[in-house]
Amino acid sequence: MKTIRNLREAQGWTQLELAVKLGVTPATVYNWERGKYEPGVSKLRALAQTFGVSMDDIELVEEQGKAAA
């Protein structure tokens, strides 16, 4: 499973680019990536479609103790 940030970075997109694709603000993407908020079902579905993955493949909260590569 990958986080929203991992999926976004794999595409080479900025938070602004992803926000435009989803019709949300960059601040919303920022807050999702940091675990402050979780996307609702409709936005989670849109995220999955945008990234070409299953909704179940998106990890909403990064596991504690995992170091970013």
C-alpha atoms as a PDB file:
ATOM      1  CA  MET A   1       0.000   0.000   0.000  1.00  0.00           C
ATOM      2  CA  LYS A   2       1.137   3.528  -0.716  1.00  0.00           C
ATOM      3  CA  THR A   3       0.292   6.865   0.807  1.00  0.00           C
ATOM      4  CA  ILE A   4      -1.242   9.712  -1.166  1.00  0.00           C
ATOM      5  CA  ARG A   5       2.132  11.441  -1.059  1.00  0.00           C
ATOM      6  CA  ASN A   6       3.941   8.350  -2.421  1.00  0.00           C
ATOM      7  CA  LEU A   7       1.428   8.002  -5.233  1.00  0.00           C
ATOM      8  CA  ARG A   8       1.590  11.714  -6.080  1.00  0.00           C
ATOM      9  CA  GLU A   9       5.384  11.808  -6.094  1.00  0.00           C
ATOM     10  CA  ALA A  10       5.537   8.668  -8.248  1.00  0.00           C
ATOM     11  CA  GLN A  11       3.566  10.581 -10.886  1.00  0.00           C
ATOM     12  CA  GLY A  12       5.865  13.588 -10.538  1.00  0.00           C
ATOM     13  CA  TRP A  13       2.956  15.833  -9.576  1.00  0.00           C
ATOM     14  CA  THR A  14       2.986  18.737  -7.161  1.00  0.00           C
ATOM     15  CA  GLN A  15       0.305  19.116  -4.522  1.00  0.00           C
ATOM     16  CA  LEU A  16      -1.163  21.890  -6.689  1.00  0.00           C
ATOM     17  CA  GLU A  17      -1.362  19.626  -9.748  1.00  0.00           C
ATOM     18  CA  LEU A  18      -3.108  16.884  -7.795  1.00  0.00           C
ATOM     19  CA  ALA A  19      -5.464  19.405  -6.207  1.00  0.00           C
ATOM     20  CA  VAL A  20      -6.494  20.724  -9.641  1.00  0.00           C
ATOM     21  CA  LYS A  21      -7.137  17.178 -10.902  1.00  0.00           C
ATOM     22  CA  LEU A  22      -9.384  16.478  -7.908  1.00  0.00           C
ATOM     23  CA  GLY A  23     -11.081  19.869  -7.641  1.00  0.00           C
ATOM     24  CA  VAL A  24      -9.765  20.590  -4.151  1.00  0.00           C
ATOM     25  CA  THR A  25      -7.349  23.141  -2.724  1.00  0.00           C
ATOM     26  CA  PRO A  26      -3.628  22.448  -2.352  1.00  0.00           C
ATOM     27  CA  ALA A  27      -4.135  22.870   1.399  1.00  0.00           C
ATOM     28  CA  THR A  28      -6.557  19.933   1.327  1.00  0.00           C
ATOM     29  CA  VAL A  29      -3.952  17.715  -0.354  1.00  0.00           C
ATOM     30  CA  TYR A  30      -1.354  18.922   2.163  1.00  0.00           C
ATOM     31  CA  ASN A  31      -3.642  18.029   5.084  1.00  0.00           C
ATOM     32  CA  TRP A  32      -4.456  14.589   3.628  1.00  0.00           C
ATOM     33  CA  GLU A  33      -0.765  13.825   3.199  1.00  0.00           C
ATOM     34  CA  ARG A  34       0.002  14.775   6.781  1.00  0.00           C
ATOM     35  CA  GLY A  35      -2.918  12.849   8.231  1.00  0.00           C
ATOM     36  CA  LYS A  36      -4.682  15.931   9.585  1.00  0.00           C
ATOM     37  CA  TYR A  37      -7.800  15.019   7.599  1.00  0.00           C
ATOM     38  CA  GLU A  38      -8.889  11.995   5.604  1.00  0.00           C
ATOM     39  CA  PRO A  39     -10.557  12.301   2.218  1.00  0.00           C
ATOM     40  CA  GLY A  40     -14.246  11.469   2.099  1.00  0.00           C
ATOM     41  CA  VAL A  41     -15.419   8.444   0.142  1.00  0.00           C
ATOM     42  CA  SER A  42     -16.044  10.420  -3.061  1.00  0.00           C
ATOM     43  CA  LYS A  43     -12.573  11.989  -2.973  1.00  0.00           C
ATOM     44  CA  LEU A  44     -10.959   8.682  -2.049  1.00  0.00           C
ATOM     45  CA  ARG A  45     -12.665   7.169  -5.096  1.00  0.00           C
ATOM     46  CA  ALA A  46     -11.404  10.079  -7.229  1.00  0.00           C
ATOM     47  CA  LEU A  47      -7.885   9.595  -5.856  1.00  0.00           C
ATOM     48  CA  ALA A  48      -7.962   5.898  -6.733  1.00  0.00           C
ATOM     49  CA  GLN A  49      -9.181   6.642 -10.270  1.00  0.00           C
ATOM     50  CA  THR A  50      -6.604   9.390 -10.743  1.00  0.00           C
ATOM     51  CA  PHE A  51      -3.764   7.111  -9.674  1.00  0.00           C
ATOM     52  CA  GLY A  52      -5.154   3.982 -11.345  1.00  0.00           C
ATOM     53  CA  VAL A  53      -5.263   1.968  -8.127  1.00  0.00           C
ATOM     54  CA  SER A  54      -7.914   0.430  -5.893  1.00  0.00           C
ATOM     55  CA  MET A  55      -9.273   2.474  -2.999  1.00  0.00           C
ATOM     56  CA  ASP A  56      -7.940  -0.309  -0.757  1.00  0.00           C
ATOM     57  CA  ASP A  57      -4.425   0.333  -2.086  1.00  0.00           C
ATOM     58  CA  ILE A  58      -4.290   3.849  -0.652  1.00  0.00           C
ATOM     59  CA  GLU A  59      -2.844   4.058   2.839  1.00  0.00           C
ATOM     60  CA  LEU A  60      -4.321   7.123   4.536  1.00  0.00           C
ATOM     61  CA  VAL A  61      -1.927   7.288   7.473  1.00  0.00           C
ATOM     62  CA  GLU A  62       1.791   6.666   7.132  1.00  0.00           C
ATOM     63  CA  GLU A  63       2.973   3.988   9.520  1.00  0.00           C
ATOM     64  CA  GLN A  64       4.842   5.335  12.528  1.00  0.00           C
ATOM     65  CA  GLY A  65       8.539   4.614  12.551  1.00  0.00           C
ATOM     66  CA  LYS A  66       8.859   4.386   8.790  1.00  0.00           C
ATOM     67  CA  ALA A  67      11.603   6.648   7.566  1.00  0.00           C
ATOM     68  CA  ALA A  68      11.008   8.497   4.329  1.00  0.00           C
ATOM     69  CA  ALA A  69      13.417   7.406   1.637  1.00  0.00           C
END
